[in-house]
Protein backbone atom coordinates (compact mmCIF):
# COMPACT_ATOMS: atom_id res chain seq x y z
CA MET A 1 219.12 295.37 133.01
CA PHE A 2 218.01 292.62 135.48
CA ASP A 3 215.81 293.47 138.46
CA ILE A 4 217.80 293.40 141.77
CA LYS A 5 214.54 292.80 143.69
CA LEU A 6 214.27 289.24 142.21
CA ILE A 7 217.85 288.46 143.50
CA ARG A 8 216.92 289.76 146.87
CA GLU A 9 213.69 287.73 147.09
CA ASN A 10 214.40 284.58 145.20
CA PRO A 11 218.11 284.09 144.28
CA GLU A 12 217.66 280.42 143.63
CA LEU A 13 215.03 281.08 140.96
CA VAL A 14 217.53 283.41 139.27
CA LYS A 15 220.24 280.73 139.46
CA ALA A 16 217.86 278.12 137.96
CA ASN A 17 217.26 280.45 135.01
CA ILE A 18 221.04 280.81 134.50
CA ARG A 19 221.57 277.09 134.65
CA LYS A 20 218.80 276.57 132.08
CA LYS A 21 220.81 278.90 129.76
CA ALA A 22 223.98 276.88 130.48
CA GLN A 23 225.82 279.93 131.73
CA LYS A 24 227.18 278.48 135.02
CA GLU A 25 229.99 280.92 135.02
CA LYS A 26 227.42 283.62 135.94
CA LEU A 27 226.10 281.86 139.04
CA ARG A 28 228.68 283.55 141.23
CA LEU A 29 227.37 286.90 140.15
CA VAL A 30 224.08 286.23 141.90
CA ASP A 31 225.72 285.74 145.27
CA ASP A 32 228.07 288.59 144.62
CA LEU A 33 225.13 290.89 143.78
CA ALA A 34 223.26 289.74 146.83
CA ALA A 35 226.14 290.69 149.03
CA LYS A 36 226.76 293.99 147.36
CA ASP A 37 223.08 294.87 147.48
CA LYS A 38 223.08 294.24 151.24
CA LYS A 39 226.02 296.50 151.63
CA PHE A 40 224.43 299.08 149.27
CA ARG A 41 221.26 299.27 151.29
CA ALA A 42 223.19 299.58 154.62
CA LEU A 43 225.32 302.37 153.09
CA LYS A 44 222.19 304.13 151.83
CA LEU A 45 220.70 303.96 155.39
CA GLU A 46 223.89 305.46 156.83
CA LEU A 47 223.82 308.25 154.23
CA ASP A 48 220.17 309.00 154.97
CA GLU A 49 220.94 309.21 158.65
CA LEU A 50 223.93 311.56 158.12
CA ARG A 51 221.88 313.80 155.84
CA ALA A 52 219.07 313.89 158.35
CA LYS A 53 221.58 314.74 161.11
CA ARG A 54 223.01 317.50 158.92
CA ASN A 55 219.59 318.98 158.53
CA SER A 56 218.84 318.66 162.21
CA LEU A 57 222.10 320.35 163.23
CA SER A 58 221.42 323.14 160.70
CA GLN A 59 218.07 323.74 162.34
CA GLN A 60 219.64 323.63 165.86
CA ILE A 61 222.21 326.25 164.77
CA ASN A 62 219.54 328.51 163.34
CA GLU A 63 217.46 328.24 166.43
CA ALA A 64 220.40 328.87 168.74
CA LYS A 65 221.42 331.87 166.80
CA LYS A 66 217.93 333.27 167.00
CA ASN A 67 217.98 332.76 170.75
CA LYS A 68 221.47 334.19 170.94
CA GLU A 69 222.75 330.94 172.40
CA ASP A 70 226.28 329.52 172.13
CA VAL A 71 226.53 327.43 168.91
CA GLY A 72 230.23 326.54 169.13
CA ALA A 73 229.83 322.88 169.97
CA VAL A 74 227.09 322.31 167.41
CA LEU A 75 229.08 324.06 164.71
CA GLU A 76 232.14 321.86 165.42
CA GLU A 77 230.01 318.72 164.97
CA ALA A 78 228.35 320.13 161.89
CA LYS A 79 231.80 320.91 160.25
CA LEU A 80 232.73 317.21 160.35
CA LEU A 81 229.56 315.97 158.54
CA PRO A 82 230.22 317.21 154.94
CA LEU A 83 233.45 315.23 154.68
CA LYS A 84 231.76 312.09 156.12
CA ILE A 85 228.86 312.51 153.78
CA LYS A 86 231.15 313.04 150.79
CA GLU A 87 233.15 309.84 151.65
CA LYS A 88 230.01 307.86 151.99
CA GLU A 89 228.55 309.24 148.76
CA GLU A 90 231.70 308.25 146.83
CA GLY A 91 231.57 304.75 148.13
CA PHE A 92 227.82 304.62 147.47
CA SER A 93 228.23 305.76 143.79
CA LEU A 94 231.06 303.32 143.15
CA LEU A 95 229.08 300.45 144.56
CA GLN A 96 226.01 301.42 142.56
CA GLU A 97 228.07 301.39 139.39
CA GLU A 98 229.42 297.91 140.22
CA ILE A 99 225.92 296.65 140.84
CA THR A 100 224.54 298.11 137.67
CA ALA A 101 227.37 296.60 135.62
CA SER A 102 226.85 293.14 137.19
CA LEU A 103 222.97 293.35 136.61
CA LYS A 104 223.54 293.83 132.89
CA LYS A 105 225.38 290.54 132.85
CA ILE A 106 222.51 288.58 134.40
CA PRO A 107 220.21 287.15 131.70
CA ASN A 108 216.55 287.98 131.67
CA MET A 109 214.10 285.55 133.16
CA MET A 110 212.97 283.31 130.39
CA HIS A 111 209.34 282.34 129.63
CA LYS A 112 208.55 278.96 131.17
CA ASP A 113 207.95 277.43 127.71
CA VAL A 114 211.34 278.36 126.13
CA PRO A 115 212.71 274.99 124.88
CA VAL A 116 216.04 273.82 126.27
CA GLY A 117 218.87 273.52 123.70
CA LYS A 118 222.47 274.25 123.27
CA ASP A 119 222.40 276.42 120.13
CA SER A 120 220.46 277.32 117.04
CA SER A 121 220.68 273.80 115.71
CA GLU A 122 218.27 272.75 118.36
CA ASN A 123 215.67 275.45 117.77
CA PRO A 124 212.26 273.74 117.25
CA GLU A 125 210.02 274.43 114.29
CA LEU A 126 206.58 275.69 115.33
CA ARG A 127 204.68 275.78 112.04
CA ARG A 128 204.97 276.13 108.25
CA TRP A 129 202.91 278.04 105.68
CA GLY A 130 202.81 277.98 101.86
CA LYS A 131 203.75 275.53 99.19
CA ILE A 132 207.44 275.28 98.12
CA PRO A 133 207.63 276.05 94.46
CA LYS A 134 208.72 273.52 91.89
CA PHE A 135 210.74 274.55 88.93
CA ASP A 136 211.14 272.67 85.55
CA PHE A 137 214.37 274.60 84.95
CA GLU A 138 217.65 275.24 86.70
CA VAL A 139 217.05 278.02 89.27
CA LYS A 140 219.40 280.91 89.60
CA ASN A 141 220.35 282.70 92.76
CA HIS A 142 219.32 286.28 93.42
CA VAL A 143 222.70 287.78 92.39
CA GLU A 144 222.48 286.09 88.96
CA LEU A 145 218.88 287.20 88.57
CA ALA A 146 219.44 290.80 89.71
CA GLU A 147 222.50 291.32 87.60
CA GLY A 148 220.99 289.54 84.67
CA LEU A 149 218.02 291.91 84.83
CA GLY A 150 220.33 294.92 85.16
CA LEU A 151 218.81 295.84 88.52
CA ALA A 152 221.71 295.65 91.02
CA GLU A 153 225.38 296.53 91.09
CA PHE A 154 227.49 294.67 93.62
CA ASP A 155 230.93 295.16 91.96
CA ALA A 156 230.32 298.87 91.71
CA SER A 157 229.40 299.09 95.41
CA ALA A 158 232.50 297.17 96.27
CA LYS A 159 234.50 299.92 94.46
CA THR A 160 232.77 302.81 96.14
CA THR A 161 232.19 301.45 99.67
CA GLY A 162 233.39 297.78 100.02
CA ASN A 163 231.86 294.36 100.51
CA GLY A 164 228.47 294.15 102.15
CA PHE A 165 227.05 297.10 100.23
CA TYR A 166 225.01 297.37 97.03
CA PHE A 167 223.36 299.55 94.40
CA LEU A 168 219.68 298.97 93.64
CA LYS A 169 218.41 300.05 90.23
CA GLY A 170 215.20 300.37 88.37
CA ASP A 171 212.46 297.91 89.34
CA LEU A 172 214.44 296.39 92.13
CA ALA A 173 214.84 299.72 93.82
CA LEU A 174 211.09 300.30 93.30
CA LEU A 175 210.40 296.89 94.72
CA ASN A 176 212.34 297.87 97.81
CA LEU A 177 210.18 300.97 98.21
CA ALA A 178 206.99 298.93 97.53
CA LEU A 179 207.87 296.54 100.35
CA ILE A 180 208.43 299.43 102.75
CA GLN A 181 205.06 301.03 101.75
CA LEU A 182 203.31 297.68 102.09
CA ALA A 183 204.59 297.02 105.58
CA VAL A 184 203.93 300.53 106.84
CA SER A 185 200.48 300.88 105.37
CA HIS A 186 199.48 297.39 106.66
CA LEU A 187 200.47 298.24 110.19
CA ALA A 188 199.23 301.79 110.13
CA LYS A 189 195.78 300.42 109.36
CA LYS A 190 196.09 298.38 112.58
CA GLY A 191 196.71 301.57 114.67
CA TYR A 192 200.63 301.47 114.71
CA LYS A 193 201.98 305.01 114.62
CA TYR A 194 204.57 305.54 111.88
CA VAL A 195 208.00 306.71 113.01
CA GLU A 196 211.21 307.60 111.11
CA PRO A 197 213.86 307.60 113.81
CA PRO A 198 217.38 309.07 114.00
CA LEU A 199 219.96 306.81 112.47
CA MET A 200 222.40 307.42 115.36
CA VAL A 201 221.99 307.00 119.05
CA HIS A 202 224.16 307.37 122.17
CA LYS A 203 225.93 304.40 123.62
CA ASN A 204 223.68 304.19 126.68
CA ILE A 205 220.75 303.49 124.31
CA CYS A 206 222.74 300.76 122.69
CA ASP A 207 223.57 299.23 126.02
CA ALA A 208 219.90 299.32 127.16
CA ALA A 209 218.68 297.78 123.84
CA ALA A 210 221.00 294.79 123.83
CA GLY A 211 223.85 295.20 126.29
CA ALA A 212 224.69 291.49 126.25
CA ILE A 213 225.66 291.56 122.50
CA LEU A 214 227.45 294.82 122.92
CA GLU A 215 230.15 293.47 125.14
CA ASN A 216 231.95 293.32 121.82
CA TYR A 217 229.87 296.16 120.29
CA GLU A 218 232.84 297.39 118.23
CA LYS A 219 232.45 294.27 116.11
CA VAL A 220 228.78 294.85 115.69
CA ILE A 221 228.00 298.52 115.60
CA TYR A 222 229.59 301.44 113.66
CA LYS A 223 230.81 304.31 115.95
CA VAL A 224 231.14 307.88 114.93
CA GLU A 225 234.64 308.83 115.90
CA GLY A 226 234.89 311.77 118.26
CA ASP A 227 231.30 311.60 119.31
CA ASP A 228 229.12 309.46 121.61
CA LEU A 229 227.05 308.34 118.63
CA HIS A 230 226.49 304.96 116.99
CA LEU A 231 224.75 304.06 113.78
CA ILE A 232 221.70 302.00 114.62
CA PRO A 233 221.69 298.28 113.73
CA THR A 234 217.90 298.34 113.89
CA SER A 235 215.30 301.11 114.48
CA GLU A 236 214.41 299.20 117.68
CA PHE A 237 217.32 300.94 119.36
CA ALA A 238 216.15 304.41 118.61
CA VAL A 239 212.45 303.80 119.29
CA LEU A 240 213.30 302.35 122.64
CA GLY A 241 215.37 305.37 123.54
CA MET A 242 212.66 307.76 122.39
CA HIS A 243 210.79 307.31 125.73
CA SER A 244 213.71 307.01 128.15
CA GLU A 245 213.00 308.62 131.56
CA GLU A 246 209.28 308.77 130.86
CA ALA A 247 206.23 307.36 132.77
CA PHE A 248 202.95 306.71 131.05
CA GLU A 249 199.40 306.42 132.56
CA HIS A 250 198.09 302.88 132.21
CA THR A 251 195.38 304.30 129.88
CA GLN A 252 197.99 305.47 127.39
CA LEU A 253 199.35 301.98 126.88
CA PRO A 254 200.10 300.08 124.74
CA LEU A 255 202.13 302.33 122.52
CA ARG A 256 202.36 300.74 119.12
CA TYR A 257 204.90 301.95 116.64
CA VAL A 258 205.96 300.95 113.10
CA ALA A 259 209.36 302.40 112.22
CA TYR A 260 211.22 302.51 108.93
CA SER A 261 215.00 303.09 108.79
CA MET A 262 218.17 302.15 107.17
CA CYS A 263 220.20 299.93 109.44
CA PHE A 264 223.92 299.39 109.78
CA ARG A 265 225.88 296.38 111.06
CA LYS A 266 229.54 295.53 110.96
CA GLU A 267 229.03 291.82 111.56
CA VAL A 268 232.82 291.32 111.70
CA GLY A 269 233.64 287.64 111.42
CA SER A 270 230.06 286.77 110.53
CA HIS A 271 229.72 283.89 108.06
CA GLY A 272 229.19 285.11 104.52
CA ILE A 273 229.60 288.86 105.04
CA ASN A 274 231.98 288.89 102.10
CA GLU A 275 229.61 286.92 99.99
CA LYS A 276 228.20 288.84 97.08
CA GLY A 277 224.56 289.77 97.21
CA LEU A 278 221.74 291.14 99.39
CA TRP A 279 221.35 288.46 102.08
CA ARG A 280 223.99 289.57 104.56
CA THR A 281 225.00 293.18 104.20
CA HIS A 282 226.38 296.06 106.26
CA GLN A 283 223.56 298.39 105.27
CA PHE A 284 219.89 297.45 104.73
CA ASN A 285 216.36 298.77 104.94
CA LYS A 286 213.93 297.51 107.56
CA VAL A 287 210.43 298.21 108.85
CA GLU A 288 210.26 297.33 112.55
CA GLN A 289 207.35 296.89 114.91
CA PHE A 290 207.68 298.05 118.56
CA ILE A 291 205.29 297.99 121.50
CA PHE A 292 205.55 299.57 124.95
CA SER A 293 203.20 297.41 127.01
CA PRO A 294 201.68 297.07 130.41
CA PRO A 295 203.48 294.19 132.15
CA ASN A 296 200.39 292.05 132.42
CA ASP A 297 199.58 292.23 128.64
CA SER A 298 203.03 291.74 127.02
CA TRP A 299 202.38 288.11 126.04
CA LYS A 300 199.14 289.09 124.28
CA TYR A 301 201.13 291.60 122.24
CA PHE A 302 203.83 289.03 121.61
CA ASP A 303 201.19 286.95 119.65
CA GLU A 304 199.94 290.16 117.90
CA LEU A 305 203.36 291.02 116.58
CA MET A 306 203.95 287.56 115.26
CA LYS A 307 200.59 287.60 113.50
CA ASN A 308 201.38 290.89 111.84
CA SER A 309 204.61 289.58 110.39
CA GLU A 310 203.04 286.29 109.17
CA GLU A 311 200.25 288.29 107.49
CA LEU A 312 202.79 290.31 105.50
CA ILE A 313 204.75 287.37 104.29
CA GLN A 314 201.51 285.59 103.44
CA LEU A 315 200.39 288.60 101.37
CA LEU A 316 203.63 288.18 99.48
CA GLY A 317 202.93 284.48 98.84
CA LEU A 318 206.29 283.34 100.24
CA PRO A 319 206.58 279.92 101.88
CA TYR A 320 207.90 280.24 105.39
CA ARG A 321 208.27 278.65 108.79
CA VAL A 322 208.35 279.88 112.32
CA ILE A 323 210.96 278.54 114.79
CA GLU A 324 211.53 279.24 118.42
CA CYS A 325 214.97 280.24 119.83
CA CYS A 326 215.98 277.67 122.47
CA THR A 327 217.67 278.58 125.76
CA GLY A 328 221.25 278.43 124.24
CA ASP A 329 220.31 280.67 121.30
CA LEU A 330 218.10 283.17 123.17
CA GLY A 331 219.69 286.57 123.67
CA ASP A 332 220.29 287.44 127.31
CA TRP A 333 218.03 290.46 127.12
CA LYS A 334 215.03 288.41 125.80
CA ALA A 335 212.44 286.41 127.67
CA ARG A 336 211.26 284.58 124.54
CA SER A 337 211.94 284.86 120.79
CA PHE A 338 210.57 283.50 117.58
CA ASP A 339 212.26 283.65 114.15
CA LEU A 340 210.40 283.77 110.84
CA GLU A 341 212.28 282.10 107.97
CA VAL A 342 211.43 282.11 104.25
CA TRP A 343 212.20 279.45 101.74
CA ARG A 344 215.37 279.79 99.65
CA PRO A 345 215.03 277.67 96.49
CA THR A 346 218.69 278.01 95.51
CA LEU A 347 219.78 276.68 98.89
CA GLY A 348 216.93 274.24 99.44
CA GLU A 349 216.36 275.61 103.00
CA TYR A 350 214.76 278.31 105.04
CA GLY A 351 216.50 281.55 105.91
CA GLU A 352 215.72 284.09 108.58
CA VAL A 353 213.96 287.32 107.59
CA GLY A 354 212.60 288.43 110.92
CA SER A 355 212.91 288.02 114.72
CA LEU A 356 210.24 288.52 117.39
CA SER A 357 211.23 289.26 120.99
CA ASN A 358 209.61 289.97 124.24
CA CYS A 359 212.20 291.70 126.41
CA THR A 360 209.74 292.07 129.35
CA ASP A 361 211.20 294.81 131.65
CA TYR A 362 214.81 294.21 130.90
CA GLN A 363 215.36 297.06 128.35
CA ALA A 364 212.95 299.54 129.93
CA ARG A 365 214.50 299.30 133.40
CA ASP A 366 217.88 300.53 132.05
CA LEU A 367 216.22 303.65 130.60
CA ASN A 368 213.72 304.12 133.45
CA ILE A 369 210.55 303.74 131.37
CA LYS A 370 207.50 303.12 133.61
CA VAL A 371 203.72 302.76 133.68
CA ILE A 372 201.63 304.51 136.34
CA ASN A 373 198.98 301.96 137.51
CA LYS A 374 195.43 302.67 138.53
CA ASP A 375 196.42 302.91 142.20
CA GLY A 376 199.21 305.34 141.44
CA SER A 377 202.03 302.93 141.85
CA ARG A 378 204.77 302.84 139.23
CA GLU A 379 206.53 299.87 137.67
CA VAL A 380 208.78 299.21 134.71
CA LEU A 381 206.84 298.52 131.60
CA HIS A 382 207.55 295.79 129.07
CA THR A 383 208.96 296.25 125.58
CA LEU A 384 208.52 294.02 122.48
CA ASN A 385 209.80 294.21 118.94
CA ASN A 386 209.45 292.30 115.72
CA THR A 387 210.65 292.74 112.19
CA ALA A 388 207.84 293.68 109.80
CA ILE A 389 209.94 293.49 106.68
CA ALA A 390 213.70 293.51 106.20
CA THR A 391 213.57 294.43 102.51
CA SER A 392 216.88 293.11 101.20
CA ARG A 393 216.23 289.54 102.47
CA VAL A 394 212.59 289.52 101.35
CA MET A 395 213.75 290.74 97.94
CA VAL A 396 216.10 287.79 97.79
CA ALA A 397 213.10 285.52 98.54
CA ILE A 398 210.93 287.18 95.93
CA LEU A 399 213.61 287.03 93.20
CA GLU A 400 214.31 283.38 93.89
CA ASN A 401 210.79 282.15 94.50
CA TYR A 402 209.13 284.12 91.64
CA GLN A 403 211.77 283.54 88.93
CA GLN A 404 210.69 282.43 85.56
CA LYS A 405 212.35 280.30 82.93
CA ASP A 406 213.07 283.33 80.73
CA GLY A 407 214.89 285.11 83.52
CA SER A 408 212.03 287.46 84.39
CA ILE A 409 210.44 287.87 87.80
CA LEU A 410 206.81 287.78 88.55
CA VAL A 411 205.75 290.56 90.97
CA PRO A 412 203.67 289.31 93.88
CA LYS A 413 200.07 290.44 93.37
CA VAL A 414 200.01 292.65 96.50
CA LEU A 415 202.94 294.65 95.13
CA GLN A 416 201.70 295.06 91.56
CA PRO A 417 199.74 298.25 92.35
CA PHE A 418 202.95 299.86 93.64
CA LEU A 419 205.10 298.84 90.67
CA GLN A 420 202.28 299.20 88.09
CA LYS A 421 203.41 295.90 86.46
CA GLU A 422 203.03 292.15 86.79
CA LYS A 423 206.42 291.14 85.69
CA ILE A 424 210.00 292.45 85.92
CA VAL A 425 211.90 291.87 82.70
CA PRO A 426 215.52 292.52 81.59
CA THR A 427 216.34 296.18 81.02
CA LYS A 428 219.11 297.93 79.29
CA LYS A 429 221.97 298.92 81.57
């Protein structure tokens, strides 16, 4: 949720940020919010005065009764106050709800270095790592490889559950576990606390995590009918909500977490959701990094989170590149975002396997998560998240980049201790 103080103090700066995102239709919201905020503060002052008057009259009545004085006139005046206060409170609450709803539509203030662009096609490449493999045979895609090795069932999952789901078997299922263990152990050594979060959260947590995409949340998130519960699309949602309505001493920060969970996304209408395989699915496993940071340090931790993810992909020996999301592709709740993409030999291009975001104070404000500074003052802290490993997509990259002419798959050296083998070979079904 956007900070109303910035609209009070510098509305033109907010408008400039909106123009940079090419969301001119939201410019009117700034002026509308400024007007409502002025009315809100005036109404709050009236309410405070009425409540103070009620307290004063109550004291006068008590004193008069003690002194056996006539309280008739004061009582008459006091009787009128509850109704006046109730009317003002109702108007105050309604106005507060309107302001909150509008603040969630104002995009976060972007980092000054976010490149201007209309959509993902204009996201600039920042760097590349690794050598793209060369094959002296016709490469197969991950579905052909997995089914040929007897390690995945896509038709069976379509029968039991539908498109976008899968069965993992044998060494591929063990590879999935190995990737989770690798990511968790790598980050735990760096001081990240391991968390296994609930797989369902309330809608207010969803709204705080990414309210902008949740305007059409029914197309993104699975809802549990009859309950205010939603399956998490990423463990980021649950970890964020874990500290709602809390305040931390500055000495307690940063809070670093590494969380593993299954994740669930409808992705209705998304390109390729009905495509067979592991790349785009409704259910997947992911290890997520999350940091609650003091406001002044969040960009330092932004770099730290990116370094962690690159280290993991480098350990796996997968060629990758890092791109930055331009203004037109940047989520409204984010101040800056990088994507990590691995090489897909079968497509001859890179594909996203992770996304880094600094949401500054946008998420935490909605859930009232604060830091207590040295001087005792309180301010909303910053939240950052980054994928450590989304196992299904990384498995696709391993299968395709490490495939051999005989249909077997070399196991990346870092994973060999987990699987106790150097190569995955065809197995009997």
